All heavy atoms as atom14 arrays in JSON, in Angstrom:
{
  "sequence": "LLLLGMIQISLGVMINHFQLNKFVLLWVLAIVLGSWLSFRYLEHKLRQ",
  "atom14_mask": [
    [1, 1, 1, 1, 1, 1, 1, 1, 0, 0, 0, 0, 0, 0],
    [1, 1, 1, 1, 1, 1, 1, 1, 0, 0, 0, 0, 0, 0],
    [1, 1, 1, 1, 1, 1, 1, 1, 0, 0, 0, 0, 0, 0],
    [1, 1, 1, 1, 1, 1, 1, 1, 0, 0, 0, 0, 0, 0],
    [1, 1, 1, 1, 0, 0, 0, 0, 0, 0, 0, 0, 0, 0],
    [1, 1, 1, 1, 1, 1, 1, 1, 0, 0, 0, 0, 0, 0],
    [1, 1, 1, 1, 1, 1, 1, 1, 0, 0, 0, 0, 0, 0],
    [1, 1, 1, 1, 1, 1, 1, 1, 1, 0, 0, 0, 0, 0],
    [1, 1, 1, 1, 1, 1, 1, 1, 0, 0, 0, 0, 0, 0],
    [1, 1, 1, 1, 1, 1, 0, 0, 0, 0, 0, 0, 0, 0],
    [1, 1, 1, 1, 1, 1, 1, 1, 0, 0, 0, 0, 0, 0],
    [1, 1, 1, 1, 0, 0, 0, 0, 0, 0, 0, 0, 0, 0],
    [1, 1, 1, 1, 1, 1, 1, 0, 0, 0, 0, 0, 0, 0],
    [1, 1, 1, 1, 1, 1, 1, 1, 0, 0, 0, 0, 0, 0],
    [1, 1, 1, 1, 1, 1, 1, 1, 0, 0, 0, 0, 0, 0],
    [1, 1, 1, 1, 1, 1, 1, 1, 0, 0, 0, 0, 0, 0],
    [1, 1, 1, 1, 1, 1, 1, 1, 1, 1, 0, 0, 0, 0],
    [1, 1, 1, 1, 1, 1, 1, 1, 1, 1, 1, 0, 0, 0],
    [1, 1, 1, 1, 1, 1, 1, 1, 1, 0, 0, 0, 0, 0],
    [1, 1, 1, 1, 1, 1, 1, 1, 0, 0, 0, 0, 0, 0],
    [1, 1, 1, 1, 1, 1, 1, 1, 0, 0, 0, 0, 0, 0],
    [1, 1, 1, 1, 1, 1, 1, 1, 1, 0, 0, 0, 0, 0],
    [1, 1, 1, 1, 1, 1, 1, 1, 1, 1, 1, 0, 0, 0],
    [1, 1, 1, 1, 1, 1, 1, 0, 0, 0, 0, 0, 0, 0],
    [1, 1, 1, 1, 1, 1, 1, 1, 0, 0, 0, 0, 0, 0],
    [1, 1, 1, 1, 1, 1, 1, 1, 0, 0, 0, 0, 0, 0],
    [1, 1, 1, 1, 1, 1, 1, 1, 1, 1, 1, 1, 1, 1],
    [1, 1, 1, 1, 1, 1, 1, 0, 0, 0, 0, 0, 0, 0],
    [1, 1, 1, 1, 1, 1, 1, 1, 0, 0, 0, 0, 0, 0],
    [1, 1, 1, 1, 1, 0, 0, 0, 0, 0, 0, 0, 0, 0],
    [1, 1, 1, 1, 1, 1, 1, 1, 0, 0, 0, 0, 0, 0],
    [1, 1, 1, 1, 1, 1, 1, 0, 0, 0, 0, 0, 0, 0],
    [1, 1, 1, 1, 1, 1, 1, 1, 0, 0, 0, 0, 0, 0],
    [1, 1, 1, 1, 0, 0, 0, 0, 0, 0, 0, 0, 0, 0],
    [1, 1, 1, 1, 1, 1, 0, 0, 0, 0, 0, 0, 0, 0],
    [1, 1, 1, 1, 1, 1, 1, 1, 1, 1, 1, 1, 1, 1],
    [1, 1, 1, 1, 1, 1, 1, 1, 0, 0, 0, 0, 0, 0],
    [1, 1, 1, 1, 1, 1, 0, 0, 0, 0, 0, 0, 0, 0],
    [1, 1, 1, 1, 1, 1, 1, 1, 1, 1, 1, 0, 0, 0],
    [1, 1, 1, 1, 1, 1, 1, 1, 1, 1, 1, 0, 0, 0],
    [1, 1, 1, 1, 1, 1, 1, 1, 1, 1, 1, 1, 0, 0],
    [1, 1, 1, 1, 1, 1, 1, 1, 0, 0, 0, 0, 0, 0],
    [1, 1, 1, 1, 1, 1, 1, 1, 1, 0, 0, 0, 0, 0],
    [1, 1, 1, 1, 1, 1, 1, 1, 1, 1, 0, 0, 0, 0],
    [1, 1, 1, 1, 1, 1, 1, 1, 1, 0, 0, 0, 0, 0],
    [1, 1, 1, 1, 1, 1, 1, 1, 0, 0, 0, 0, 0, 0],
    [1, 1, 1, 1, 1, 1, 1, 1, 1, 1, 1, 0, 0, 0],
    [1, 1, 1, 1, 1, 1, 1, 1, 1, 0, 0, 0, 0, 0]
  ],
  "atom14_positions": [
    [[177.02, 48.11, -11.04], [176.34, 48.68, -9.88], [177.16, 48.49, -8.61], [177.27, 49.42, -7.79], [174.96, 48.04, -9.7], [173.87, 48.49, -10.65], [172.63, 47.64, -10.48], [173.55, 49.95, -10.46], [0.0, 0.0, 0.0], [0.0, 0.0, 0.0], [0.0, 0.0, 0.0], [0.0, 0.0, 0.0], [0.0, 0.0, 0.0], [0.0, 0.0, 0.0]],
    [[177.74, 47.32, -8.43], [178.56, 47.08, -7.24], [179.79, 47.99, -7.23], [180.11, 48.6, -6.2], [178.98, 45.61, -7.18], [177.88, 44.61, -6.87], [178.39, 43.19, -7.02], [177.3, 44.83, -5.49], [0.0, 0.0, 0.0], [0.0, 0.0, 0.0], [0.0, 0.0, 0.0], [0.0, 0.0, 0.0], [0.0, 0.0, 0.0], [0.0, 0.0, 0.0]],
    [[180.47, 48.1, -8.36], [181.67, 48.93, -8.43], [181.33, 50.41, -8.25], [181.97, 51.11, -7.45], [182.38, 48.71, -9.77], [183.65, 49.53, -9.99], [184.72, 49.09, -8.99], [184.14, 49.38, -11.4], [0.0, 0.0, 0.0], [0.0, 0.0, 0.0], [0.0, 0.0, 0.0], [0.0, 0.0, 0.0], [0.0, 0.0, 0.0], [0.0, 0.0, 0.0]],
    [[180.32, 50.89, -8.97], [179.94, 52.29, -8.86], [179.43, 52.62, -7.46], [179.69, 53.71, -6.93], [178.89, 52.64, -9.92], [178.59, 54.11, -10.14], [179.84, 54.85, -10.6], [177.49, 54.27, -11.16], [0.0, 0.0, 0.0], [0.0, 0.0, 0.0], [0.0, 0.0, 0.0], [0.0, 0.0, 0.0], [0.0, 0.0, 0.0], [0.0, 0.0, 0.0]],
    [[178.72, 51.69, -6.84], [178.24, 51.9, -5.47], [179.39, 52.04, -4.49], [179.39, 52.93, -3.63], [0.0, 0.0, 0.0], [0.0, 0.0, 0.0], [0.0, 0.0, 0.0], [0.0, 0.0, 0.0], [0.0, 0.0, 0.0], [0.0, 0.0, 0.0], [0.0, 0.0, 0.0], [0.0, 0.0, 0.0], [0.0, 0.0, 0.0], [0.0, 0.0, 0.0]],
    [[180.39, 51.17, -4.63], [181.55, 51.26, -3.72], [182.34, 52.55, -3.96], [182.82, 53.17, -3.01], [182.43, 50.04, -3.87], [181.79, 48.78, -3.32], [182.86, 47.34, -3.21], [183.3, 47.05, -4.9], [0.0, 0.0, 0.0], [0.0, 0.0, 0.0], [0.0, 0.0, 0.0], [0.0, 0.0, 0.0], [0.0, 0.0, 0.0], [0.0, 0.0, 0.0]],
    [[182.46, 52.96, -5.22], [183.17, 54.21, -5.53], [182.42, 55.4, -4.93], [183.04, 56.27, -4.31], [183.36, 54.36, -7.05], [184.38, 53.36, -7.56], [183.77, 55.78, -7.41], [184.48, 53.29, -9.08], [0.0, 0.0, 0.0], [0.0, 0.0, 0.0], [0.0, 0.0, 0.0], [0.0, 0.0, 0.0], [0.0, 0.0, 0.0], [0.0, 0.0, 0.0]],
    [[181.1, 55.43, -5.09], [180.32, 56.55, -4.57], [180.34, 56.59, -3.04], [180.42, 57.66, -2.44], [178.87, 56.47, -5.07], [178.7, 56.75, -6.53], [178.96, 58.2, -6.9], [178.97, 59.09, -6.07], [179.16, 58.43, -8.18], [0.0, 0.0, 0.0], [0.0, 0.0, 0.0], [0.0, 0.0, 0.0], [0.0, 0.0, 0.0], [0.0, 0.0, 0.0]],
    [[180.27, 55.43, -2.4], [180.36, 55.4, -0.93], [181.72, 55.9, -0.47], [181.82, 56.7, 0.46], [180.07, 53.98, -0.4], [178.59, 53.64, -0.57], [180.47, 53.85, 1.06], [178.25, 52.21, -0.24], [0.0, 0.0, 0.0], [0.0, 0.0, 0.0], [0.0, 0.0, 0.0], [0.0, 0.0, 0.0], [0.0, 0.0, 0.0], [0.0, 0.0, 0.0]],
    [[182.77, 55.44, -1.13], [184.12, 55.9, -0.77], [184.27, 57.4, -0.97], [184.85, 58.1, -0.14], [185.17, 55.17, -1.61], [185.08, 53.8, -1.42], [0.0, 0.0, 0.0], [0.0, 0.0, 0.0], [0.0, 0.0, 0.0], [0.0, 0.0, 0.0], [0.0, 0.0, 0.0], [0.0, 0.0, 0.0], [0.0, 0.0, 0.0], [0.0, 0.0, 0.0]],
    [[183.73, 57.89, -2.09], [183.77, 59.34, -2.35], [183.0, 60.1, -1.28], [183.45, 61.14, -0.79], [183.21, 59.63, -3.74], [183.29, 61.06, -4.24], [184.74, 61.52, -4.32], [182.62, 61.18, -5.59], [0.0, 0.0, 0.0], [0.0, 0.0, 0.0], [0.0, 0.0, 0.0], [0.0, 0.0, 0.0], [0.0, 0.0, 0.0], [0.0, 0.0, 0.0]],
    [[181.83, 59.58, -0.89], [181.04, 60.23, 0.15], [181.76, 60.25, 1.49], [181.71, 61.26, 2.21], [0.0, 0.0, 0.0], [0.0, 0.0, 0.0], [0.0, 0.0, 0.0], [0.0, 0.0, 0.0], [0.0, 0.0, 0.0], [0.0, 0.0, 0.0], [0.0, 0.0, 0.0], [0.0, 0.0, 0.0], [0.0, 0.0, 0.0], [0.0, 0.0, 0.0]],
    [[182.44, 59.17, 1.83], [183.19, 59.12, 3.09], [184.34, 60.11, 3.06], [184.59, 60.84, 4.05], [183.68, 57.68, 3.37], [184.69, 57.64, 4.49], [182.49, 56.77, 3.68], [0.0, 0.0, 0.0], [0.0, 0.0, 0.0], [0.0, 0.0, 0.0], [0.0, 0.0, 0.0], [0.0, 0.0, 0.0], [0.0, 0.0, 0.0], [0.0, 0.0, 0.0]],
    [[185.05, 60.18, 1.93], [186.15, 61.14, 1.82], [185.65, 62.58, 1.87], [186.29, 63.44, 2.48], [186.94, 60.89, 0.53], [187.78, 59.65, 0.58], [188.95, 59.44, -0.78], [188.05, 59.91, -2.22], [0.0, 0.0, 0.0], [0.0, 0.0, 0.0], [0.0, 0.0, 0.0], [0.0, 0.0, 0.0], [0.0, 0.0, 0.0], [0.0, 0.0, 0.0]],
    [[184.52, 62.85, 1.22], [183.96, 64.2, 1.25], [183.62, 64.6, 2.67], [183.91, 65.72, 3.11], [182.72, 64.29, 0.33], [183.15, 64.23, -1.13], [181.91, 65.55, 0.6], [182.0, 64.02, -2.09], [0.0, 0.0, 0.0], [0.0, 0.0, 0.0], [0.0, 0.0, 0.0], [0.0, 0.0, 0.0], [0.0, 0.0, 0.0], [0.0, 0.0, 0.0]],
    [[182.99, 63.69, 3.43], [182.65, 64.01, 4.81], [183.89, 64.13, 5.68], [183.95, 65.0, 6.56], [181.72, 62.93, 5.39], [180.3, 63.12, 4.91], [179.89, 64.2, 4.54], [179.56, 62.03, 4.9], [0.0, 0.0, 0.0], [0.0, 0.0, 0.0], [0.0, 0.0, 0.0], [0.0, 0.0, 0.0], [0.0, 0.0, 0.0], [0.0, 0.0, 0.0]],
    [[184.88, 63.28, 5.45], [186.1, 63.32, 6.26], [186.85, 64.64, 6.06], [187.34, 65.22, 7.03], [187.0, 62.14, 5.92], [188.3, 62.15, 6.66], [188.38, 61.88, 8.01], [189.56, 62.43, 6.25], [189.64, 61.98, 8.4], [190.38, 62.31, 7.34], [0.0, 0.0, 0.0], [0.0, 0.0, 0.0], [0.0, 0.0, 0.0], [0.0, 0.0, 0.0]],
    [[186.96, 65.09, 4.83], [187.68, 66.33, 4.55], [186.78, 67.56, 4.59], [187.21, 68.65, 4.21], [188.4, 66.23, 3.2], [189.5, 65.23, 3.19], [189.4, 64.08, 2.43], [190.65, 65.42, 3.96], [190.43, 63.14, 2.41], [191.67, 64.49, 3.96], [191.56, 63.34, 3.19], [0.0, 0.0, 0.0], [0.0, 0.0, 0.0], [0.0, 0.0, 0.0]],
    [[185.54, 67.4, 5.02], [184.56, 68.49, 5.2], [184.39, 69.31, 3.92], [184.49, 70.53, 3.92], [184.97, 69.36, 6.37], [185.01, 68.6, 7.67], [185.54, 69.4, 8.83], [186.01, 70.52, 8.66], [185.45, 68.85, 10.02], [0.0, 0.0, 0.0], [0.0, 0.0, 0.0], [0.0, 0.0, 0.0], [0.0, 0.0, 0.0], [0.0, 0.0, 0.0]],
    [[184.13, 68.62, 2.82], [183.92, 69.28, 1.53], [182.44, 69.26, 1.13], [182.11, 69.29, -0.05], [184.75, 68.58, 0.45], [186.26, 68.61, 0.67], [186.97, 67.74, -0.34], [186.77, 70.04, 0.6], [0.0, 0.0, 0.0], [0.0, 0.0, 0.0], [0.0, 0.0, 0.0], [0.0, 0.0, 0.0], [0.0, 0.0, 0.0], [0.0, 0.0, 0.0]],
    [[181.56, 69.22, 2.12], [180.12, 69.14, 1.85], [179.56, 70.41, 1.22], [178.44, 70.4, 0.71], [179.36, 68.83, 3.13], [179.61, 67.42, 3.6], [179.73, 66.51, 2.79], [179.72, 67.24, 4.91], [0.0, 0.0, 0.0], [0.0, 0.0, 0.0], [0.0, 0.0, 0.0], [0.0, 0.0, 0.0], [0.0, 0.0, 0.0], [0.0, 0.0, 0.0]],
    [[180.3, 71.49, 1.24], [179.78, 72.75, 0.69], [179.74, 72.74, -0.84], [179.11, 73.59, -1.44], [180.6, 73.93, 1.2], [182.07, 73.83, 0.88], [182.85, 74.95, 1.55], [184.33, 74.65, 1.42], [185.12, 75.49, 2.28], [0.0, 0.0, 0.0], [0.0, 0.0, 0.0], [0.0, 0.0, 0.0], [0.0, 0.0, 0.0], [0.0, 0.0, 0.0]],
    [[180.39, 71.78, -1.48], [180.39, 71.69, -2.94], [179.34, 70.69, -3.42], [179.62, 69.79, -4.22], [181.77, 71.28, -3.45], [182.87, 72.21, -3.03], [183.84, 71.79, -2.13], [182.92, 73.49, -3.52], [184.85, 72.64, -1.74], [183.93, 74.35, -3.15], [184.9, 73.93, -2.24], [0.0, 0.0, 0.0], [0.0, 0.0, 0.0], [0.0, 0.0, 0.0]],
    [[178.12, 70.85, -2.96], [177.05, 69.89, -3.22], [176.78, 69.75, -4.72], [176.6, 68.64, -5.22], [175.76, 70.3, -2.47], [174.6, 69.41, -2.86], [175.99, 70.26, -0.98], [0.0, 0.0, 0.0], [0.0, 0.0, 0.0], [0.0, 0.0, 0.0], [0.0, 0.0, 0.0], [0.0, 0.0, 0.0], [0.0, 0.0, 0.0], [0.0, 0.0, 0.0]],
    [[176.75, 70.85, -5.45], [176.45, 70.77, -6.88], [177.52, 69.96, -7.63], [177.19, 69.22, -8.56], [176.33, 72.16, -7.48], [175.1, 72.97, -7.03], [175.12, 74.35, -7.64], [173.83, 72.24, -7.4], [0.0, 0.0, 0.0], [0.0, 0.0, 0.0], [0.0, 0.0, 0.0], [0.0, 0.0, 0.0], [0.0, 0.0, 0.0], [0.0, 0.0, 0.0]],
    [[178.75, 70.09, -7.22], [179.82, 69.31, -7.84], [179.63, 67.82, -7.57], [179.81, 66.99, -8.47], [181.18, 69.77, -7.31], [182.4, 69.07, -7.88], [182.53, 69.37, -9.37], [183.63, 69.51, -7.13], [0.0, 0.0, 0.0], [0.0, 0.0, 0.0], [0.0, 0.0, 0.0], [0.0, 0.0, 0.0], [0.0, 0.0, 0.0], [0.0, 0.0, 0.0]],
    [[179.22, 67.46, -6.36], [179.04, 66.05, -6.02], [177.81, 65.46, -6.72], [177.83, 64.3, -7.13], [178.94, 65.87, -4.51], [180.07, 66.52, -3.76], [179.96, 67.27, -2.64], [181.46, 66.52, -4.09], [181.19, 67.73, -2.25], [182.13, 67.28, -3.12], [182.21, 65.95, -5.11], [183.5, 67.48, -3.14], [183.58, 66.16, -5.13], [184.21, 66.91, -4.16]],
    [[176.76, 66.26, -6.85], [175.58, 65.8, -7.59], [175.95, 65.6, -9.06], [175.53, 64.62, -9.69], [174.4, 66.78, -7.43], [173.27, 66.45, -8.37], [173.92, 66.79, -6.0], [0.0, 0.0, 0.0], [0.0, 0.0, 0.0], [0.0, 0.0, 0.0], [0.0, 0.0, 0.0], [0.0, 0.0, 0.0], [0.0, 0.0, 0.0], [0.0, 0.0, 0.0]],
    [[176.74, 66.51, -9.61], [177.21, 66.36, -10.98], [178.05, 65.09, -11.13], [177.94, 64.38, -12.13], [178.01, 67.59, -11.4], [178.56, 67.57, -12.82], [177.4, 67.59, -13.82], [179.47, 68.75, -13.05], [0.0, 0.0, 0.0], [0.0, 0.0, 0.0], [0.0, 0.0, 0.0], [0.0, 0.0, 0.0], [0.0, 0.0, 0.0], [0.0, 0.0, 0.0]],
    [[178.86, 64.78, -10.14], [179.67, 63.56, -10.17], [178.78, 62.32, -10.17], [179.06, 61.33, -10.87], [180.63, 63.52, -8.98], [0.0, 0.0, 0.0], [0.0, 0.0, 0.0], [0.0, 0.0, 0.0], [0.0, 0.0, 0.0], [0.0, 0.0, 0.0], [0.0, 0.0, 0.0], [0.0, 0.0, 0.0], [0.0, 0.0, 0.0], [0.0, 0.0, 0.0]],
    [[177.7, 62.35, -9.42], [176.75, 61.23, -9.39], [176.1, 61.04, -10.75], [176.05, 59.93, -11.29], [175.68, 61.45, -8.3], [176.29, 61.29, -6.91], [174.52, 60.49, -8.48], [175.36, 61.68, -5.8], [0.0, 0.0, 0.0], [0.0, 0.0, 0.0], [0.0, 0.0, 0.0], [0.0, 0.0, 0.0], [0.0, 0.0, 0.0], [0.0, 0.0, 0.0]],
    [[175.6, 62.13, -11.32], [174.92, 62.06, -12.61], [175.89, 61.61, -13.69], [175.57, 60.74, -14.51], [174.29, 63.43, -12.96], [173.77, 63.45, -14.38], [173.17, 63.75, -11.97], [0.0, 0.0, 0.0], [0.0, 0.0, 0.0], [0.0, 0.0, 0.0], [0.0, 0.0, 0.0], [0.0, 0.0, 0.0], [0.0, 0.0, 0.0], [0.0, 0.0, 0.0]],
    [[177.08, 62.17, -13.71], [178.07, 61.81, -14.71], [178.5, 60.35, -14.57], [178.63, 59.63, -15.57], [179.29, 62.74, -14.61], [180.31, 62.64, -15.71], [179.68, 63.0, -17.05], [181.49, 63.55, -15.42], [0.0, 0.0, 0.0], [0.0, 0.0, 0.0], [0.0, 0.0, 0.0], [0.0, 0.0, 0.0], [0.0, 0.0, 0.0], [0.0, 0.0, 0.0]],
    [[178.72, 59.9, -13.36], [179.09, 58.51, -13.13], [178.0, 57.54, -13.57], [178.28, 56.51, -14.19], [0.0, 0.0, 0.0], [0.0, 0.0, 0.0], [0.0, 0.0, 0.0], [0.0, 0.0, 0.0], [0.0, 0.0, 0.0], [0.0, 0.0, 0.0], [0.0, 0.0, 0.0], [0.0, 0.0, 0.0], [0.0, 0.0, 0.0], [0.0, 0.0, 0.0]],
    [[176.75, 57.88, -13.29], [175.64, 57.02, -13.71], [175.51, 56.99, -15.22], [175.31, 55.93, -15.82], [174.34, 57.52, -13.09], [174.42, 57.48, -11.69], [0.0, 0.0, 0.0], [0.0, 0.0, 0.0], [0.0, 0.0, 0.0], [0.0, 0.0, 0.0], [0.0, 0.0, 0.0], [0.0, 0.0, 0.0], [0.0, 0.0, 0.0], [0.0, 0.0, 0.0]],
    [[175.61, 58.14, -15.85], [175.49, 58.21, -17.3], [176.63, 57.45, -17.99], [176.41, 56.7, -18.93], [175.48, 59.66, -17.76], [175.36, 59.81, -19.24], [174.24, 59.63, -19.99], [176.41, 60.17, -20.15], [174.53, 59.85, -21.32], [175.85, 60.19, -21.44], [177.75, 60.48, -19.99], [176.6, 60.5, -22.56], [178.48, 60.78, -21.11], [177.91, 60.79, -22.37]],
    [[177.85, 57.63, -17.49], [178.99, 56.93, -18.08], [178.88, 55.42, -17.9], [179.25, 54.66, -18.8], [180.3, 57.44, -17.48], [180.74, 58.83, -17.95], [181.97, 59.28, -17.18], [180.99, 58.85, -19.44], [0.0, 0.0, 0.0], [0.0, 0.0, 0.0], [0.0, 0.0, 0.0], [0.0, 0.0, 0.0], [0.0, 0.0, 0.0], [0.0, 0.0, 0.0]],
    [[178.36, 54.98, -16.76], [178.21, 53.54, -16.56], [177.16, 52.97, -17.51], [177.34, 51.87, -18.05], [177.86, 53.23, -15.11], [176.58, 53.7, -14.79], [0.0, 0.0, 0.0], [0.0, 0.0, 0.0], [0.0, 0.0, 0.0], [0.0, 0.0, 0.0], [0.0, 0.0, 0.0], [0.0, 0.0, 0.0], [0.0, 0.0, 0.0], [0.0, 0.0, 0.0]],
    [[176.07, 53.69, -17.75], [175.06, 53.24, -18.71], [175.65, 53.18, -20.12], [175.44, 52.21, -20.84], [173.85, 54.18, -18.68], [172.84, 53.87, -19.74], [172.01, 52.77, -19.63], [172.72, 54.68, -20.85], [171.08, 52.47, -20.61], [171.8, 54.39, -21.84], [170.97, 53.28, -21.72], [0.0, 0.0, 0.0], [0.0, 0.0, 0.0], [0.0, 0.0, 0.0]],
    [[176.39, 54.2, -20.51], [177.02, 54.2, -21.84], [178.01, 53.05, -21.98], [178.09, 52.42, -23.02], [177.73, 55.54, -22.09], [176.82, 56.74, -22.14], [175.99, 56.76, -23.37], [176.88, 56.86, -24.52], [176.51, 56.64, -25.76], [175.28, 56.33, -26.01], [177.36, 56.73, -26.74], [0.0, 0.0, 0.0], [0.0, 0.0, 0.0], [0.0, 0.0, 0.0]],
    [[178.76, 52.77, -20.92], [179.71, 51.67, -20.95], [178.99, 50.33, -21.14], [179.41, 49.5, -21.95], [180.52, 51.66, -19.64], [181.32, 50.41, -19.41], [182.46, 50.15, -20.15], [180.92, 49.48, -18.46], [183.2, 48.99, -19.94], [181.64, 48.33, -18.24], [182.77, 48.1, -18.98], [183.49, 46.96, -18.77], [0.0, 0.0, 0.0], [0.0, 0.0, 0.0]],
    [[177.92, 50.13, -20.39], [177.16, 48.88, -20.52], [176.59, 48.7, -21.91], [176.67, 47.62, -22.5], [176.01, 48.86, -19.5], [176.36, 48.51, -18.08], [175.16, 48.73, -17.18], [176.83, 47.09, -17.99], [0.0, 0.0, 0.0], [0.0, 0.0, 0.0], [0.0, 0.0, 0.0], [0.0, 0.0, 0.0], [0.0, 0.0, 0.0], [0.0, 0.0, 0.0]],
    [[176.0, 49.75, -22.45], [175.4, 49.65, -23.78], [176.48, 49.43, -24.85], [176.27, 48.67, -25.79], [174.6, 50.91, -24.1], [173.29, 50.97, -23.33], [172.33, 49.88, -23.72], [171.98, 49.78, -24.9], [171.94, 49.11, -22.83], [0.0, 0.0, 0.0], [0.0, 0.0, 0.0], [0.0, 0.0, 0.0], [0.0, 0.0, 0.0], [0.0, 0.0, 0.0]],
    [[177.63, 50.08, -24.71], [178.71, 49.9, -25.67], [179.23, 48.46, -25.62], [179.45, 47.83, -26.66], [179.85, 50.88, -25.4], [181.04, 50.68, -26.27], [181.05, 51.01, -27.6], [182.26, 50.15, -25.99], [182.23, 50.7, -28.12], [182.98, 50.18, -27.15], [0.0, 0.0, 0.0], [0.0, 0.0, 0.0], [0.0, 0.0, 0.0], [0.0, 0.0, 0.0]],
    [[179.42, 47.95, -24.42], [179.91, 46.59, -24.26], [178.91, 45.58, -24.82], [179.29, 44.63, -25.5], [180.16, 46.33, -22.77], [181.01, 45.16, -22.47], [181.38, 45.16, -20.99], [182.22, 43.97, -20.67], [182.63, 43.93, -19.28], [0.0, 0.0, 0.0], [0.0, 0.0, 0.0], [0.0, 0.0, 0.0], [0.0, 0.0, 0.0], [0.0, 0.0, 0.0]],
    [[177.64, 45.81, -24.57], [176.6, 44.91, -25.08], [176.51, 44.99, -26.6], [176.35, 43.98, -27.28], [175.26, 45.25, -24.43], [174.11, 44.3, -24.68], [174.47, 42.89, -24.27], [172.89, 44.77, -23.93], [0.0, 0.0, 0.0], [0.0, 0.0, 0.0], [0.0, 0.0, 0.0], [0.0, 0.0, 0.0], [0.0, 0.0, 0.0], [0.0, 0.0, 0.0]],
    [[176.64, 46.19, -27.14], [176.61, 46.36, -28.59], [177.79, 45.64, -29.24], [177.63, 44.99, -30.28], [176.64, 47.84, -28.93], [176.51, 48.09, -30.4], [176.28, 49.55, -30.65], [176.05, 49.71, -32.07], [176.65, 50.6, -32.82], [177.48, 51.45, -32.29], [176.4, 50.67, -34.1], [0.0, 0.0, 0.0], [0.0, 0.0, 0.0], [0.0, 0.0, 0.0]],
    [[178.96, 45.74, -28.66], [180.13, 45.05, -29.2], [179.93, 43.54, -29.17], [180.29, 42.84, -30.13], [181.39, 45.43, -28.4], [181.81, 46.86, -28.55], [182.19, 47.2, -29.98], [182.79, 46.41, -30.67], [181.81, 48.38, -30.42], [0.0, 0.0, 0.0], [0.0, 0.0, 0.0], [0.0, 0.0, 0.0], [0.0, 0.0, 0.0], [0.0, 0.0, 0.0]]
  ]
}
């Protein structure tokens, strides 16, 4: 959560800095994909 939170905040700052806010669907997809991958990573690590 700490790592993904810092990555998402950094991505949000870069998006605002470079004025790429018009690609909202892409950024929402990045949020969903990042959350899903982090859950899969946790479950895989716990299963191992």
